[in-house]
Amino acid sequence: MIFGLFLFLSTILASTNFTLGILAGGLISILNFYGLCQGLRTAFAQMGSGSTGKAAMVLKYLLRLGITGFVLYLALAKTKANIFGLVIGLAVVVIGIICSVILTFFDKSYLEEV
């Protein structure tokens, strides 16, 4: 929802290059976070079966990091994406996590459980 809000506001208030930066940064950030989530799920599932896949998990992490760096390079060098829009787009996941923590903290059912 935050990504959509940022895209909507940038389409109305900012230039096309800025909106392209937010779009590219947001997609990179969300896909990277999704890959991290899948990797952790796989690692925890393997941990219960007794096999340790630390090396495979680290290799996948480094591969994803390299691919992310290459895609960021392409977004900056080969497109007209604004670097500030790209940074704001990359921060979408972090802002979403912070909002989720704040909403969970102020949720009345959460306070009653504590």
PDB file of N, CA and C in Angstrom:
ATOM      1  N   MET A   1       0.826  -1.192   0.000  1.00  0.00           N
ATOM      2  CA  MET A   1       0.000   0.000   0.000  1.00  0.00           C
ATOM      3  C   MET A   1       0.870   1.255   0.000  1.00  0.00           C
ATOM      4  N   ILE A   2       1.976   1.201   0.736  1.00  0.00           N
ATOM      5  CA  ILE A   2       2.880   2.352   0.783  1.00  0.00           C
ATOM      6  C   ILE A   2       3.509   2.578  -0.577  1.00  0.00           C
ATOM      7  N   PHE A   3       3.895   1.490  -1.229  1.00  0.00           N
ATOM      8  CA  PHE A   3       4.472   1.591  -2.571  1.00  0.00           C
ATOM      9  C   PHE A   3       3.477   2.227  -3.537  1.00  0.00           C
ATOM     10  N   GLY A   4       2.232   1.791  -3.486  1.00  0.00           N
ATOM     11  CA  GLY A   4       1.191   2.366  -4.336  1.00  0.00           C
ATOM     12  C   GLY A   4       0.945   3.831  -4.036  1.00  0.00           C
ATOM     13  N   LEU A   5       0.956   4.175  -2.754  1.00  0.00           N
ATOM     14  CA  LEU A   5       0.767   5.575  -2.362  1.00  0.00           C
ATOM     15  C   LEU A   5       1.899   6.447  -2.888  1.00  0.00           C
ATOM     16  N   PHE A   6       3.143   5.965  -2.734  1.00  0.00           N
ATOM     17  CA  PHE A   6       4.297   6.720  -3.246  1.00  0.00           C
ATOM     18  C   PHE A   6       4.223   6.883  -4.760  1.00  0.00           C
ATOM     19  N   LEU A   7       3.837   5.820  -5.454  1.00  0.00           N
ATOM     20  CA  LEU A   7       3.715   5.917  -6.911  1.00  0.00           C
ATOM     21  C   LEU A   7       2.623   6.892  -7.314  1.00  0.00           C
ATOM     22  N   PHE A   8       1.496   6.825  -6.635  1.00  0.00           N
ATOM     23  CA  PHE A   8       0.387   7.723  -6.951  1.00  0.00           C
ATOM     24  C   PHE A   8       0.786   9.186  -6.731  1.00  0.00           C
ATOM     25  N   LEU A   9       1.387   9.468  -5.573  1.00  0.00           N
ATOM     26  CA  LEU A   9       1.782  10.846  -5.285  1.00  0.00           C
ATOM     27  C   LEU A   9       2.864  11.344  -6.231  1.00  0.00           C
ATOM     28  N   SER A  10       3.816  10.483  -6.572  1.00  0.00           N
ATOM     29  CA  SER A  10       4.878  10.924  -7.478  1.00  0.00           C
ATOM     30  C   SER A  10       4.359  11.134  -8.893  1.00  0.00           C
ATOM     31  N   THR A  11       3.335  10.388  -9.285  1.00  0.00           N
ATOM     32  CA  THR A  11       2.759  10.594 -10.613  1.00  0.00           C
ATOM     33  C   THR A  11       2.079  11.951 -10.701  1.00  0.00           C
ATOM     34  N   ILE A  12       1.445  12.362  -9.597  1.00  0.00           N
ATOM     35  CA  ILE A  12       0.754  13.641  -9.584  1.00  0.00           C
ATOM     36  C   ILE A  12       1.721  14.806  -9.373  1.00  0.00           C
ATOM     37  N   LEU A  13       2.654  14.652  -8.433  1.00  0.00           N
ATOM     38  CA  LEU A  13       3.455  15.788  -7.980  1.00  0.00           C
ATOM     39  C   LEU A  13       4.860  15.885  -8.569  1.00  0.00           C
ATOM     40  N   ALA A  14       5.383  14.800  -9.147  1.00  0.00           N
ATOM     41  CA  ALA A  14       6.787  14.806  -9.557  1.00  0.00           C
ATOM     42  C   ALA A  14       6.917  14.485 -11.044  1.00  0.00           C
ATOM     43  N   SER A  15       8.162  14.486 -11.484  1.00  0.00           N
ATOM     44  CA  SER A  15       8.439  14.223 -12.896  1.00  0.00           C
ATOM     45  C   SER A  15       8.358  12.727 -13.190  1.00  0.00           C
ATOM     46  N   THR A  16       8.368  12.408 -14.460  1.00  0.00           N
ATOM     47  CA  THR A  16       8.317  11.022 -14.892  1.00  0.00           C
ATOM     48  C   THR A  16       9.568  10.263 -14.451  1.00  0.00           C
ATOM     49  N   ASN A  17      10.730  10.910 -14.501  1.00  0.00           N
ATOM     50  CA  ASN A  17      11.975  10.262 -14.088  1.00  0.00           C
ATOM     51  C   ASN A  17      11.957   9.924 -12.596  1.00  0.00           C
ATOM     52  N   PHE A  18      11.395  10.800 -11.784  1.00  0.00           N
ATOM     53  CA  PHE A  18      11.285  10.547 -10.350  1.00  0.00           C
ATOM     54  C   PHE A  18      10.354   9.362 -10.096  1.00  0.00           C
ATOM     55  N   THR A  19       9.221   9.334 -10.807  1.00  0.00           N
ATOM     56  CA  THR A  19       8.279   8.222 -10.676  1.00  0.00           C
ATOM     57  C   THR A  19       8.914   6.917 -11.137  1.00  0.00           C
ATOM     58  N   LEU A  20       9.696   6.963 -12.196  1.00  0.00           N
ATOM     59  CA  LEU A  20      10.407   5.779 -12.672  1.00  0.00           C
ATOM     60  C   LEU A  20      11.407   5.293 -11.619  1.00  0.00           C
ATOM     61  N   GLY A  21      12.056   6.223 -10.933  1.00  0.00           N
ATOM     62  CA  GLY A  21      12.980   5.856  -9.862  1.00  0.00           C
ATOM     63  C   GLY A  21      12.261   5.173  -8.709  1.00  0.00           C
ATOM     64  N   ILE A  22      11.115   5.708  -8.315  1.00  0.00           N
ATOM     65  CA  ILE A  22      10.341   5.081  -7.237  1.00  0.00           C
ATOM     66  C   ILE A  22       9.856   3.699  -7.664  1.00  0.00           C
ATOM     67  N   LEU A  23       9.402   3.574  -8.893  1.00  0.00           N
ATOM     68  CA  LEU A  23       8.942   2.283  -9.395  1.00  0.00           C
ATOM     69  C   LEU A  23      10.073   1.256  -9.395  1.00  0.00           C
ATOM     70  N   ALA A  24      11.227   1.634  -9.944  1.00  0.00           N
ATOM     71  CA  ALA A  24      12.358   0.701 -10.006  1.00  0.00           C
ATOM     72  C   ALA A  24      12.850   0.337  -8.606  1.00  0.00           C
ATOM     73  N   GLY A  25      13.018   1.331  -7.744  1.00  0.00           N
ATOM     74  CA  GLY A  25      13.496   1.069  -6.391  1.00  0.00           C
ATOM     75  C   GLY A  25      12.521   0.228  -5.583  1.00  0.00           C
ATOM     76  N   GLY A  26      11.248   0.515  -5.716  1.00  0.00           N
ATOM     77  CA  GLY A  26      10.245  -0.252  -4.984  1.00  0.00           C
ATOM     78  C   GLY A  26      10.188  -1.701  -5.430  1.00  0.00           C
ATOM     79  N   LEU A  27      10.227  -1.923  -6.738  1.00  0.00           N
ATOM     80  CA  LEU A  27      10.200  -3.299  -7.235  1.00  0.00           C
ATOM     81  C   LEU A  27      11.452  -4.065  -6.827  1.00  0.00           C
ATOM     82  N   ILE A  28      12.605  -3.431  -6.905  1.00  0.00           N
ATOM     83  CA  ILE A  28      13.854  -4.081  -6.488  1.00  0.00           C
ATOM     84  C   ILE A  28      13.791  -4.430  -5.010  1.00  0.00           C
ATOM     85  N   SER A  29      13.327  -3.500  -4.207  1.00  0.00           N
ATOM     86  CA  SER A  29      13.263  -3.711  -2.764  1.00  0.00           C
ATOM     87  C   SER A  29      12.286  -4.819  -2.395  1.00  0.00           C
ATOM     88  N   ILE A  30      11.115  -4.804  -2.987  1.00  0.00           N
ATOM     89  CA  ILE A  30      10.102  -5.806  -2.672  1.00  0.00           C
ATOM     90  C   ILE A  30      10.540  -7.190  -3.134  1.00  0.00           C
ATOM     91  N   LEU A  31      11.095  -7.297  -4.334  1.00  0.00           N
ATOM     92  CA  LEU A  31      11.560  -8.595  -4.826  1.00  0.00           C
ATOM     93  C   LEU A  31      12.722  -9.123  -3.997  1.00  0.00           C
ATOM     94  N   ASN A  32      13.617  -8.235  -3.564  1.00  0.00           N
ATOM     95  CA  ASN A  32      14.733  -8.645  -2.725  1.00  0.00           C
ATOM     96  C   ASN A  32      14.241  -9.142  -1.369  1.00  0.00           C
ATOM     97  N   PHE A  33      13.277  -8.445  -0.797  1.00  0.00           N
ATOM     98  CA  PHE A  33      12.715  -8.863   0.491  1.00  0.00           C
ATOM     99  C   PHE A  33      11.987 -10.197   0.351  1.00  0.00           C
ATOM    100  N   TYR A  34      11.279 -10.394  -0.748  1.00  0.00           N
ATOM    101  CA  TYR A  34      10.590 -11.657  -0.995  1.00  0.00           C
ATOM    102  C   TYR A  34      11.595 -12.802  -1.117  1.00  0.00           C
ATOM    103  N   GLY A  35      12.707 -12.559  -1.820  1.00  0.00           N
ATOM    104  CA  GLY A  35      13.747 -13.575  -1.944  1.00  0.00           C
ATOM    105  C   GLY A  35      14.364 -13.918  -0.604  1.00  0.00           C
ATOM    106  N   LEU A  36      14.576 -12.908   0.231  1.00  0.00           N
ATOM    107  CA  LEU A  36      15.097 -13.144   1.575  1.00  0.00           C
ATOM    108  C   LEU A  36      14.126 -13.980   2.390  1.00  0.00           C
ATOM    109  N   CYS A  37      12.853 -13.683   2.309  1.00  0.00           N
ATOM    110  CA  CYS A  37      11.822 -14.428   3.033  1.00  0.00           C
ATOM    111  C   CYS A  37      11.798 -15.883   2.594  1.00  0.00           C
ATOM    112  N   GLN A  38      11.845 -16.130   1.299  1.00  0.00           N
ATOM    113  CA  GLN A  38      11.841 -17.497   0.791  1.00  0.00           C
ATOM    114  C   GLN A  38      13.095 -18.252   1.232  1.00  0.00           C
ATOM    115  N   GLY A  39      14.240 -17.592   1.200  1.00  0.00           N
ATOM    116  CA  GLY A  39      15.481 -18.229   1.621  1.00  0.00           C
ATOM    117  C   GLY A  39      15.466 -18.604   3.092  1.00  0.00           C
ATOM    118  N   LEU A  40      14.921 -17.729   3.916  1.00  0.00           N
ATOM    119  CA  LEU A  40      14.840 -18.025   5.344  1.00  0.00           C
ATOM    120  C   LEU A  40      13.852 -19.147   5.632  1.00  0.00           C
ATOM    121  N   ARG A  41      12.740 -19.169   4.927  1.00  0.00           N
ATOM    122  CA  ARG A  41      11.781 -20.266   5.100  1.00  0.00           C
ATOM    123  C   ARG A  41      12.422 -21.603   4.752  1.00  0.00           C
ATOM    124  N   THR A  42      13.146 -21.632   3.652  1.00  0.00           N
ATOM    125  CA  THR A  42      13.818 -22.859   3.243  1.00  0.00           C
ATOM    126  C   THR A  42      14.863 -23.276   4.272  1.00  0.00           C
ATOM    127  N   ALA A  43      15.634 -22.305   4.767  1.00  0.00           N
ATOM    128  CA  ALA A  43      16.676 -22.612   5.742  1.00  0.00           C
ATOM    129  C   ALA A  43      16.079 -23.147   7.036  1.00  0.00           C
ATOM    130  N   PHE A  44      15.003 -22.558   7.509  1.00  0.00           N
ATOM    131  CA  PHE A  44      14.379 -23.034   8.743  1.00  0.00           C
ATOM    132  C   PHE A  44      13.702 -24.386   8.547  1.00  0.00           C
ATOM    133  N   ALA A  45      13.171 -24.632   7.364  1.00  0.00           N
ATOM    134  CA  ALA A  45      12.564 -25.940   7.092  1.00  0.00           C
ATOM    135  C   ALA A  45      13.631 -27.030   7.071  1.00  0.00           C
ATOM    136  N   GLN A  46      14.801 -26.723   6.514  1.00  0.00           N
ATOM    137  CA  GLN A  46      15.889 -27.688   6.483  1.00  0.00           C
ATOM    138  C   GLN A  46      16.501 -27.887   7.859  1.00  0.00           C
ATOM    139  N   MET A  47      16.440 -26.868   8.698  1.00  0.00           N
ATOM    140  CA  MET A  47      17.015 -26.967  10.031  1.00  0.00           C
ATOM    141  C   MET A  47      16.285 -28.016  10.861  1.00  0.00           C
ATOM    142  N   GLY A  48      14.989 -28.144  10.669  1.00  0.00           N
ATOM    143  CA  GLY A  48      14.205 -29.116  11.408  1.00  0.00           C
ATOM    144  C   GLY A  48      14.482 -30.544  10.968  1.00  0.00           C
ATOM    145  N   SER A  49      14.923 -30.733   9.713  1.00  0.00           N
ATOM    146  CA  SER A  49      15.170 -32.080   9.211  1.00  0.00           C
ATOM    147  C   SER A  49      16.577 -32.578   9.530  1.00  0.00           C
ATOM    148  N   GLY A  50      17.394 -31.740  10.141  1.00  0.00           N
ATOM    149  CA  GLY A  50      18.718 -32.173  10.554  1.00  0.00           C
ATOM    150  C   GLY A  50      19.839 -31.776   9.603  1.00  0.00           C
ATOM    151  N   SER A  51      19.545 -31.417   8.367  1.00  0.00           N
ATOM    152  CA  SER A  51      20.611 -31.019   7.453  1.00  0.00           C
ATOM    153  C   SER A  51      20.877 -29.530   7.595  1.00  0.00           C
ATOM    154  N   THR A  52      22.138 -29.190   7.568  1.00  0.00           N
ATOM    155  CA  THR A  52      22.495 -27.774   7.687  1.00  0.00           C
ATOM    156  C   THR A  52      22.835 -27.252   6.306  1.00  0.00           C
ATOM    157  N   GLY A  53      22.158 -26.230   5.903  1.00  0.00           N
ATOM    158  CA  GLY A  53      22.377 -25.630   4.596  1.00  0.00           C
ATOM    159  C   GLY A  53      22.918 -24.230   4.708  1.00  0.00           C
ATOM    160  N   LYS A  54      23.849 -24.014   5.658  1.00  0.00           N
ATOM    161  CA  LYS A  54      24.382 -22.667   5.862  1.00  0.00           C
ATOM    162  C   LYS A  54      25.106 -22.167   4.624  1.00  0.00           C
ATOM    163  N   ALA A  55      25.920 -23.015   4.030  1.00  0.00           N
ATOM    164  CA  ALA A  55      26.691 -22.595   2.860  1.00  0.00           C
ATOM    165  C   ALA A  55      25.772 -22.249   1.694  1.00  0.00           C
ATOM    166  N   ALA A  56      24.744 -23.061   1.498  1.00  0.00           N
ATOM    167  CA  ALA A  56      23.800 -22.789   0.409  1.00  0.00           C
ATOM    168  C   ALA A  56      23.045 -21.491   0.659  1.00  0.00           C
ATOM    169  N   MET A  57      22.676 -21.254   1.921  1.00  0.00           N
ATOM    170  CA  MET A  57      21.943 -20.029   2.251  1.00  0.00           C
ATOM    171  C   MET A  57      22.819 -18.798   2.036  1.00  0.00           C
ATOM    172  N   VAL A  58      24.076 -18.882   2.455  1.00  0.00           N
ATOM    173  CA  VAL A  58      24.996 -17.759   2.265  1.00  0.00           C
ATOM    174  C   VAL A  58      25.253 -17.531   0.787  1.00  0.00           C
ATOM    175  N   LEU A  59      25.403 -18.612   0.025  1.00  0.00           N
ATOM    176  CA  LEU A  59      25.621 -18.483  -1.415  1.00  0.00           C
ATOM    177  C   LEU A  59      24.422 -17.821  -2.099  1.00  0.00           C
ATOM    178  N   LYS A  60      23.218 -18.244  -1.727  1.00  0.00           N
ATOM    179  CA  LYS A  60      22.012 -17.626  -2.300  1.00  0.00           C
ATOM    180  C   LYS A  60      21.921 -16.146  -1.928  1.00  0.00           C
ATOM    181  N   TYR A  61      22.292 -15.833  -0.669  1.00  0.00           N
ATOM    182  CA  TYR A  61      22.264 -14.439  -0.222  1.00  0.00           C
ATOM    183  C   TYR A  61      23.246 -13.598  -1.033  1.00  0.00           C
ATOM    184  N   LEU A  62      24.464 -14.102  -1.221  1.00  0.00           N
ATOM    185  CA  LEU A  62      25.466 -13.356  -1.984  1.00  0.00           C
ATOM    186  C   LEU A  62      25.071 -13.232  -3.450  1.00  0.00           C
ATOM    187  N   LEU A  63      24.468 -14.276  -3.991  1.00  0.00           N
ATOM    188  CA  LEU A  63      23.992 -14.215  -5.371  1.00  0.00           C
ATOM    189  C   LEU A  63      22.893 -13.162  -5.520  1.00  0.00           C
ATOM    190  N   ARG A  64      21.941 -13.149  -4.578  1.00  0.00           N
ATOM    191  CA  ARG A  64      20.873 -12.157  -4.616  1.00  0.00           C
ATOM    192  C   ARG A  64      21.433 -10.748  -4.453  1.00  0.00           C
ATOM    193  N   LEU A  65      22.439 -10.588  -3.580  1.00  0.00           N
ATOM    194  CA  LEU A  65      23.072  -9.284  -3.386  1.00  0.00           C
ATOM    195  C   LEU A  65      23.753  -8.810  -4.664  1.00  0.00           C
ATOM    196  N   GLY A  66      24.453  -9.723  -5.339  1.00  0.00           N
ATOM    197  CA  GLY A  66      25.101  -9.371  -6.599  1.00  0.00           C
ATOM    198  C   GLY A  66      24.109  -8.989  -7.681  1.00  0.00           C
ATOM    199  N   ILE A  67      23.029  -9.762  -7.779  1.00  0.00           N
ATOM    200  CA  ILE A  67      21.992  -9.464  -8.773  1.00  0.00           C
ATOM    201  C   ILE A  67      21.336  -8.124  -8.462  1.00  0.00           C
ATOM    202  N   THR A  68      21.082  -7.850  -7.179  1.00  0.00           N
ATOM    203  CA  THR A  68      20.485  -6.571  -6.784  1.00  0.00           C
ATOM    204  C   THR A  68      21.402  -5.418  -7.153  1.00  0.00           C
ATOM    205  N   GLY A  69      22.686  -5.573  -6.882  1.00  0.00           N
ATOM    206  CA  GLY A  69      23.647  -4.528  -7.247  1.00  0.00           C
ATOM    207  C   GLY A  69      23.692  -4.292  -8.741  1.00  0.00           C
ATOM    208  N   PHE A  70      23.660  -5.368  -9.519  1.00  0.00           N
ATOM    209  CA  PHE A  70      23.689  -5.238 -10.977  1.00  0.00           C
ATOM    210  C   PHE A  70      22.420  -4.558 -11.493  1.00  0.00           C
ATOM    211  N   VAL A  71      21.276  -4.930 -10.946  1.00  0.00           N
ATOM    212  CA  VAL A  71      20.014  -4.310 -11.367  1.00  0.00           C
ATOM    213  C   VAL A  71      19.995  -2.827 -10.981  1.00  0.00           C
ATOM    214  N   LEU A  72      20.517  -2.503  -9.793  1.00  0.00           N
ATOM    215  CA  LEU A  72      20.601  -1.092  -9.403  1.00  0.00           C
ATOM    216  C   LEU A  72      21.515  -0.315 -10.350  1.00  0.00           C
ATOM    217  N   TYR A  73      22.621  -0.931 -10.740  1.00  0.00           N
ATOM    218  CA  TYR A  73      23.515  -0.295 -11.709  1.00  0.00           C
ATOM    219  C   TYR A  73      22.784  -0.037 -13.024  1.00  0.00           C
ATOM    220  N   LEU A  74      22.066  -1.049 -13.505  1.00  0.00           N
ATOM    221  CA  LEU A  74      21.324  -0.878 -14.751  1.00  0.00           C
ATOM    222  C   LEU A  74      20.261   0.208 -14.628  1.00  0.00           C
ATOM    223  N   ALA A  75      19.589   0.253 -13.478  1.00  0.00           N
ATOM    224  CA  ALA A  75      18.540   1.253 -13.278  1.00  0.00           C
ATOM    225  C   ALA A  75      19.118   2.665 -13.305  1.00  0.00           C
ATOM    226  N   LEU A  76      20.312   2.821 -12.775  1.00  0.00           N
ATOM    227  CA  LEU A  76      20.914   4.157 -12.746  1.00  0.00           C
ATOM    228  C   LEU A  76      21.632   4.515 -14.047  1.00  0.00           C
ATOM    229  N   ALA A  77      22.329   3.549 -14.646  1.00  0.00           N
ATOM    230  CA  ALA A  77      23.149   3.846 -15.812  1.00  0.00           C
ATOM    231  C   ALA A  77      22.378   3.809 -17.127  1.00  0.00           C
ATOM    232  N   LYS A  78      21.428   2.926 -17.245  1.00  0.00           N
ATOM    233  CA  LYS A  78      20.773   2.716 -18.538  1.00  0.00           C
ATOM    234  C   LYS A  78      19.384   3.333 -18.644  1.00  0.00           C
ATOM    235  N   THR A  79      18.811   3.797 -17.549  1.00  0.00           N
ATOM    236  CA  THR A  79      17.492   4.431 -17.617  1.00  0.00           C
ATOM    237  C   THR A  79      17.618   5.874 -17.140  1.00  0.00           C
ATOM    238  N   LYS A  80      16.540   6.588 -17.231  1.00  0.00           N
ATOM    239  CA  LYS A  80      16.523   7.978 -16.779  1.00  0.00           C
ATOM    240  C   LYS A  80      15.914   8.104 -15.392  1.00  0.00           C
ATOM    241  N   ALA A  81      16.004   7.018 -14.617  1.00  0.00           N
ATOM    242  CA  ALA A  81      15.436   7.016 -13.275  1.00  0.00           C
ATOM    243  C   ALA A  81      16.198   7.999 -12.389  1.00  0.00           C
ATOM    244  N   ASN A  82      15.443   8.771 -11.625  1.00  0.00           N
ATOM    245  CA  ASN A  82      16.023   9.733 -10.697  1.00  0.00           C
ATOM    246  C   ASN A  82      16.584   8.985  -9.493  1.00  0.00           C
ATOM    247  N   ILE A  83      17.802   9.346  -9.082  1.00  0.00           N
ATOM    248  CA  ILE A  83      18.450   8.631  -7.985  1.00  0.00           C
ATOM    249  C   ILE A  83      17.716   8.828  -6.660  1.00  0.00           C
ATOM    250  N   PHE A  84      17.143  10.001  -6.436  1.00  0.00           N
ATOM    251  CA  PHE A  84      16.397  10.243  -5.198  1.00  0.00           C
ATOM    252  C   PHE A  84      15.096   9.443  -5.174  1.00  0.00           C
ATOM    253  N   GLY A  85      14.455   9.323  -6.317  1.00  0.00           N
ATOM    254  CA  GLY A  85      13.273   8.478  -6.412  1.00  0.00           C
ATOM    255  C   GLY A  85      13.622   7.016  -6.188  1.00  0.00           C
ATOM    256  N   LEU A  86      14.785   6.606  -6.689  1.00  0.00           N
ATOM    257  CA  LEU A  86      15.233   5.230  -6.489  1.00  0.00           C
ATOM    258  C   LEU A  86      15.482   4.941  -5.014  1.00  0.00           C
ATOM    259  N   VAL A  87      16.079   5.880  -4.314  1.00  0.00           N
ATOM    260  CA  VAL A  87      16.329   5.697  -2.879  1.00  0.00           C
ATOM    261  C   VAL A  87      15.013   5.636  -2.109  1.00  0.00           C
ATOM    262  N   ILE A  88      14.074   6.484  -2.453  1.00  0.00           N
ATOM    263  CA  ILE A  88      12.762   6.446  -1.788  1.00  0.00           C
ATOM    264  C   ILE A  88      12.069   5.119  -2.091  1.00  0.00           C
ATOM    265  N   GLY A  89      12.162   4.650  -3.318  1.00  0.00           N
ATOM    266  CA  GLY A  89      11.578   3.360  -3.667  1.00  0.00           C
ATOM    267  C   GLY A  89      12.228   2.211  -2.919  1.00  0.00           C
ATOM    268  N   LEU A  90      13.543   2.271  -2.734  1.00  0.00           N
ATOM    269  CA  LEU A  90      14.242   1.228  -1.986  1.00  0.00           C
ATOM    270  C   LEU A  90      13.838   1.221  -0.516  1.00  0.00           C
ATOM    271  N   ALA A  91      13.392   2.355  -0.004  1.00  0.00           N
ATOM    272  CA  ALA A  91      13.015   2.460   1.408  1.00  0.00           C
ATOM    273  C   ALA A  91      11.583   1.994   1.669  1.00  0.00           C
ATOM    274  N   VAL A  92      10.862   1.586   0.629  1.00  0.00           N
ATOM    275  CA  VAL A  92       9.455   1.192   0.780  1.00  0.00           C
ATOM    276  C   VAL A  92       9.297   0.040   1.777  1.00  0.00           C
ATOM    277  N   VAL A  93      10.148  -0.965   1.685  1.00  0.00           N
ATOM    278  CA  VAL A  93      10.034  -2.121   2.573  1.00  0.00           C
ATOM    279  C   VAL A  93      10.327  -1.723   4.011  1.00  0.00           C
ATOM    280  N   VAL A  94      11.341  -0.900   4.208  1.00  0.00           N
ATOM    281  CA  VAL A  94      11.691  -0.454   5.558  1.00  0.00           C
ATOM    282  C   VAL A  94      10.552   0.367   6.162  1.00  0.00           C
ATOM    283  N   ILE A  95       9.982   1.258   5.385  1.00  0.00           N
ATOM    284  CA  ILE A  95       8.859   2.067   5.867  1.00  0.00           C
ATOM    285  C   ILE A  95       7.668   1.168   6.186  1.00  0.00           C
ATOM    286  N   GLY A  96       7.431   0.163   5.356  1.00  0.00           N
ATOM    287  CA  GLY A  96       6.344  -0.782   5.620  1.00  0.00           C
ATOM    288  C   GLY A  96       6.546  -1.562   6.904  1.00  0.00           C
ATOM    289  N   ILE A  97       7.772  -1.985   7.161  1.00  0.00           N
ATOM    290  CA  ILE A  97       8.069  -2.719   8.397  1.00  0.00           C
ATOM    291  C   ILE A  97       7.870  -1.817   9.606  1.00  0.00           C
ATOM    292  N   ILE A  98       8.334  -0.591   9.527  1.00  0.00           N
ATOM    293  CA  ILE A  98       8.177   0.359  10.641  1.00  0.00           C
ATOM    294  C   ILE A  98       6.695   0.628  10.900  1.00  0.00           C
ATOM    295  N   CYS A  99       5.919   0.843   9.857  1.00  0.00           N
ATOM    296  CA  CYS A  99       4.476   1.072  10.030  1.00  0.00           C
ATOM    297  C   CYS A  99       3.793  -0.147  10.630  1.00  0.00           C
ATOM    298  N   SER A 100       4.201  -1.331  10.208  1.00  0.00           N
ATOM    299  CA  SER A 100       3.626  -2.560  10.749  1.00  0.00           C
ATOM    300  C   SER A 100       3.926  -2.703  12.243  1.00  0.00           C
ATOM    301  N   VAL A 101       5.148  -2.371  12.643  1.00  0.00           N
ATOM    302  CA  VAL A 101       5.510  -2.447  14.058  1.00  0.00           C
ATOM    303  C   VAL A 101       4.712  -1.433  14.874  1.00  0.00           C
ATOM    304  N   ILE A 102       4.573  -0.229  14.359  1.00  0.00           N
ATOM    305  CA  ILE A 102       3.822   0.807  15.075  1.00  0.00           C
ATOM    306  C   ILE A 102       2.356   0.407  15.206  1.00  0.00           C
ATOM    307  N   LEU A 103       1.756  -0.091  14.125  1.00  0.00           N
ATOM    308  CA  LEU A 103       0.359  -0.513  14.185  1.00  0.00           C
ATOM    309  C   LEU A 103       0.176  -1.693  15.134  1.00  0.00           C
ATOM    310  N   THR A 104       1.112  -2.621  15.157  1.00  0.00           N
ATOM    311  CA  THR A 104       1.025  -3.755  16.078  1.00  0.00           C
ATOM    312  C   THR A 104       1.162  -3.296  17.516  1.00  0.00           C
ATOM    313  N   PHE A 105       2.029  -2.344  17.749  1.00  0.00           N
ATOM    314  CA  PHE A 105       2.238  -1.841  19.106  1.00  0.00           C
ATOM    315  C   PHE A 105       0.983  -1.167  19.657  1.00  0.00           C
ATOM    316  N   PHE A 106       0.275  -0.425  18.808  1.00  0.00           N
ATOM    317  CA  PHE A 106      -0.899   0.304  19.269  1.00  0.00           C
ATOM    318  C   PHE A 106      -2.199  -0.477  19.105  1.00  0.00           C
ATOM    319  N   ASP A 107      -2.120  -1.700  18.649  1.00  0.00           N
ATOM    320  CA  ASP A 107      -3.309  -2.543  18.511  1.00  0.00           C
ATOM    321  C   ASP A 107      -3.785  -2.953  19.902  1.00  0.00           C
ATOM    322  N   LYS A 108      -5.052  -2.739  20.168  1.00  0.00           N
ATOM    323  CA  LYS A 108      -5.579  -3.001  21.513  1.00  0.00           C
ATOM    324  C   LYS A 108      -5.525  -4.482  21.874  1.00  0.00           C
ATOM    325  N   SER A 109      -5.741  -5.359  20.914  1.00  0.00           N
ATOM    326  CA  SER A 109      -5.695  -6.789  21.224  1.00  0.00           C
ATOM    327  C   SER A 109      -4.282  -7.202  21.593  1.00  0.00           C
ATOM    328  N   TYR A 110      -3.293  -6.569  20.977  1.00  0.00           N
ATOM    329  CA  TYR A 110      -1.907  -6.870  21.314  1.00  0.00           C
ATOM    330  C   TYR A 110      -1.608  -6.439  22.752  1.00  0.00           C
ATOM    331  N   LEU A 111      -2.101  -5.289  23.150  1.00  0.00           N
ATOM    332  CA  LEU A 111      -1.852  -4.811  24.507  1.00  0.00           C
ATOM    333  C   LEU A 111      -2.545  -5.685  25.530  1.00  0.00           C
ATOM    334  N   GLU A 112      -3.710  -6.232  25.209  1.00  0.00           N
ATOM    335  CA  GLU A 112      -4.409  -7.101  26.136  1.00  0.00           C
ATOM    336  C   GLU A 112      -3.678  -8.432  26.311  1.00  0.00           C
ATOM    337  N   GLU A 113      -3.012  -8.910  25.278  1.00  0.00           N
ATOM    338  CA  GLU A 113      -2.278 -10.164  25.370  1.00  0.00           C
ATOM    339  C   GLU A 113      -1.056 -10.038  26.272  1.00  0.00           C
ATOM    340  N   VAL A 114      -0.462  -8.860  26.266  1.00  0.00           N
ATOM    341  CA  VAL A 114       0.732  -8.653  27.086  1.00  0.00           C
ATOM    342  C   VAL A 114       0.317  -8.564  28.525  1.00  0.00           C
TER     343      VAL A 114
END
